[in-house]
Amino acid sequence: MFHPDYETEFLEKVRMVVREENEQFWKTHAVQKYPEILTNDHLCEIFQCKIAKIYDLVKIGSFPIFPHIQAHYPRDLVFKWINENSTIAQALNPKLRAI
């Protein structure tokens, strides 16, 4: 028989799919905005912070660096690192998740 919450549950599932697709689109778009090798200036723009914080950030052992040129970073790995570390932060504090 017809479930009384069917419409509400269906709409919520549609919202979730649309939200996820929208997030994926903007992530992809943001990644392609930058060159394949990022500089400190790019990182300042991406993280919206001053250069001093970037220096602290790149000291983190897991942060991807481009080993052949100082202060240059592989774009795709940087965005992957952001995504993975944002996921960890969201798991620790679900209130951080954007709606």
C-alpha atoms as a PDB file:
ATOM      1  CA  MET A   1       0.000   0.000   0.000  1.00  0.00           C
ATOM      2  CA  PHE A   2       1.029   3.644  -0.299  1.00  0.00           C
ATOM      3  CA  HIS A   3       3.421   4.764   2.437  1.00  0.00           C
ATOM      4  CA  PRO A   4       2.333   8.113   3.976  1.00  0.00           C
ATOM      5  CA  ASP A   5       5.884   9.490   4.082  1.00  0.00           C
ATOM      6  CA  TYR A   6       6.716   8.345   0.549  1.00  0.00           C
ATOM      7  CA  GLU A   7       6.552  11.810  -0.976  1.00  0.00           C
ATOM      8  CA  THR A   8       8.669  13.372   1.783  1.00  0.00           C
ATOM      9  CA  GLU A   9      11.277  10.611   1.602  1.00  0.00           C
ATOM     10  CA  PHE A  10      11.364  10.766  -2.194  1.00  0.00           C
ATOM     11  CA  LEU A  11      11.864  14.543  -2.203  1.00  0.00           C
ATOM     12  CA  GLU A  12      14.613  14.264   0.397  1.00  0.00           C
ATOM     13  CA  LYS A  13      16.443  11.685  -1.739  1.00  0.00           C
ATOM     14  CA  VAL A  14      16.134  13.941  -4.791  1.00  0.00           C
ATOM     15  CA  ARG A  15      17.489  16.882  -2.760  1.00  0.00           C
ATOM     16  CA  MET A  16      20.461  14.805  -1.656  1.00  0.00           C
ATOM     17  CA  VAL A  17      21.297  13.741  -5.212  1.00  0.00           C
ATOM     18  CA  VAL A  18      20.999  17.298  -6.507  1.00  0.00           C
ATOM     19  CA  ARG A  19      23.124  18.612  -3.624  1.00  0.00           C
ATOM     20  CA  GLU A  20      25.841  16.007  -4.244  1.00  0.00           C
ATOM     21  CA  GLU A  21      25.882  16.649  -7.996  1.00  0.00           C
ATOM     22  CA  ASN A  22      26.031  20.391  -7.403  1.00  0.00           C
ATOM     23  CA  GLU A  23      28.952  20.000  -4.981  1.00  0.00           C
ATOM     24  CA  GLN A  24      30.790  17.776  -7.443  1.00  0.00           C
ATOM     25  CA  PHE A  25      30.259  20.240 -10.290  1.00  0.00           C
ATOM     26  CA  TRP A  26      31.665  23.160  -8.291  1.00  0.00           C
ATOM     27  CA  LYS A  27      34.601  21.116  -7.051  1.00  0.00           C
ATOM     28  CA  THR A  28      35.468  20.134 -10.616  1.00  0.00           C
ATOM     29  CA  HIS A  29      34.995  23.688 -11.845  1.00  0.00           C
ATOM     30  CA  ALA A  30      37.207  25.056  -9.059  1.00  0.00           C
ATOM     31  CA  VAL A  31      39.950  22.557  -9.837  1.00  0.00           C
ATOM     32  CA  GLN A  32      40.025  23.429 -13.539  1.00  0.00           C
ATOM     33  CA  LYS A  33      40.250  27.149 -12.755  1.00  0.00           C
ATOM     34  CA  TYR A  34      43.856  26.692 -11.611  1.00  0.00           C
ATOM     35  CA  PRO A  35      46.996  25.542 -13.483  1.00  0.00           C
ATOM     36  CA  GLU A  36      48.283  22.014 -12.951  1.00  0.00           C
ATOM     37  CA  ILE A  37      51.108  23.288 -10.743  1.00  0.00           C
ATOM     38  CA  LEU A  38      50.040  25.708  -8.001  1.00  0.00           C
ATOM     39  CA  THR A  39      52.116  28.418  -6.341  1.00  0.00           C
ATOM     40  CA  ASN A  40      51.862  29.908  -2.871  1.00  0.00           C
ATOM     41  CA  ASP A  41      49.709  32.700  -4.331  1.00  0.00           C
ATOM     42  CA  HIS A  42      47.246  30.120  -5.655  1.00  0.00           C
ATOM     43  CA  LEU A  43      47.117  28.434  -2.242  1.00  0.00           C
ATOM     44  CA  CYS A  44      46.438  31.799  -0.576  1.00  0.00           C
ATOM     45  CA  GLU A  45      43.498  32.273  -2.925  1.00  0.00           C
ATOM     46  CA  ILE A  46      42.186  28.728  -2.477  1.00  0.00           C
ATOM     47  CA  PHE A  47      42.436  28.746   1.315  1.00  0.00           C
ATOM     48  CA  GLN A  48      41.609  32.456   1.606  1.00  0.00           C
ATOM     49  CA  CYS A  49      44.462  33.132   3.978  1.00  0.00           C
ATOM     50  CA  LYS A  50      47.763  34.951   4.196  1.00  0.00           C
ATOM     51  CA  ILE A  51      51.102  33.486   3.157  1.00  0.00           C
ATOM     52  CA  ALA A  52      52.155  32.773   6.761  1.00  0.00           C
ATOM     53  CA  LYS A  53      49.350  30.201   7.082  1.00  0.00           C
ATOM     54  CA  ILE A  54      50.404  28.608   3.801  1.00  0.00           C
ATOM     55  CA  TYR A  55      53.909  28.140   5.198  1.00  0.00           C
ATOM     56  CA  ASP A  56      52.374  26.370   8.205  1.00  0.00           C
ATOM     57  CA  LEU A  57      50.141  24.298   5.956  1.00  0.00           C
ATOM     58  CA  VAL A  58      52.899  22.977   3.713  1.00  0.00           C
ATOM     59  CA  LYS A  59      54.870  21.846   6.775  1.00  0.00           C
ATOM     60  CA  ILE A  60      52.180  19.219   7.366  1.00  0.00           C
ATOM     61  CA  GLY A  61      53.721  15.952   6.258  1.00  0.00           C
ATOM     62  CA  SER A  62      50.681  14.807   4.293  1.00  0.00           C
ATOM     63  CA  PHE A  63      50.338  18.023   2.270  1.00  0.00           C
ATOM     64  CA  PRO A  64      51.326  17.390  -1.373  1.00  0.00           C
ATOM     65  CA  ILE A  65      54.358  19.250  -2.675  1.00  0.00           C
ATOM     66  CA  PHE A  66      56.028  19.319  -6.072  1.00  0.00           C
ATOM     67  CA  PRO A  67      59.480  17.937  -5.266  1.00  0.00           C
ATOM     68  CA  HIS A  68      61.318  19.459  -8.235  1.00  0.00           C
ATOM     69  CA  ILE A  69      60.535  23.146  -7.635  1.00  0.00           C
ATOM     70  CA  GLN A  70      60.280  24.785  -4.227  1.00  0.00           C
ATOM     71  CA  ALA A  71      56.896  26.355  -3.299  1.00  0.00           C
ATOM     72  CA  HIS A  72      55.005  24.580  -6.104  1.00  0.00           C
ATOM     73  CA  TYR A  73      52.223  22.059  -5.570  1.00  0.00           C
ATOM     74  CA  PRO A  74      50.376  19.554  -7.812  1.00  0.00           C
ATOM     75  CA  ARG A  75      46.841  20.931  -8.268  1.00  0.00           C
ATOM     76  CA  ASP A  76      44.928  17.653  -8.364  1.00  0.00           C
ATOM     77  CA  LEU A  77      46.689  16.295  -5.296  1.00  0.00           C
ATOM     78  CA  VAL A  78      46.099  19.536  -3.400  1.00  0.00           C
ATOM     79  CA  PHE A  79      42.360  19.399  -4.083  1.00  0.00           C
ATOM     80  CA  LYS A  80      42.312  15.691  -3.226  1.00  0.00           C
ATOM     81  CA  TRP A  81      44.089  16.514   0.052  1.00  0.00           C
ATOM     82  CA  ILE A  82      41.540  19.253   0.789  1.00  0.00           C
ATOM     83  CA  ASN A  83      38.671  16.880   0.106  1.00  0.00           C
ATOM     84  CA  GLU A  84      40.098  14.096   2.272  1.00  0.00           C
ATOM     85  CA  ASN A  85      40.923  16.407   5.148  1.00  0.00           C
ATOM     86  CA  SER A  86      37.595  18.204   4.927  1.00  0.00           C
ATOM     87  CA  THR A  87      35.886  14.816   5.129  1.00  0.00           C
ATOM     88  CA  ILE A  88      37.837  14.022   8.293  1.00  0.00           C
ATOM     89  CA  ALA A  89      36.917  17.386   9.809  1.00  0.00           C
ATOM     90  CA  GLN A  90      33.249  16.869   8.913  1.00  0.00           C
ATOM     91  CA  ALA A  91      33.253  13.410  10.486  1.00  0.00           C
ATOM     92  CA  LEU A  92      34.671  14.852  13.690  1.00  0.00           C
ATOM     93  CA  ASN A  93      32.211  17.764  13.704  1.00  0.00           C
ATOM     94  CA  PRO A  94      29.104  17.227  11.516  1.00  0.00           C
ATOM     95  CA  LYS A  95      28.098  20.875  11.987  1.00  0.00           C
ATOM     96  CA  LEU A  96      30.908  21.806   9.557  1.00  0.00           C
ATOM     97  CA  ARG A  97      29.046  20.217   6.649  1.00  0.00           C
ATOM     98  CA  ALA A  98      27.742  22.792   4.207  1.00  0.00           C
ATOM     99  CA  ILE A  99      24.057  22.603   3.443  1.00  0.00           C
END
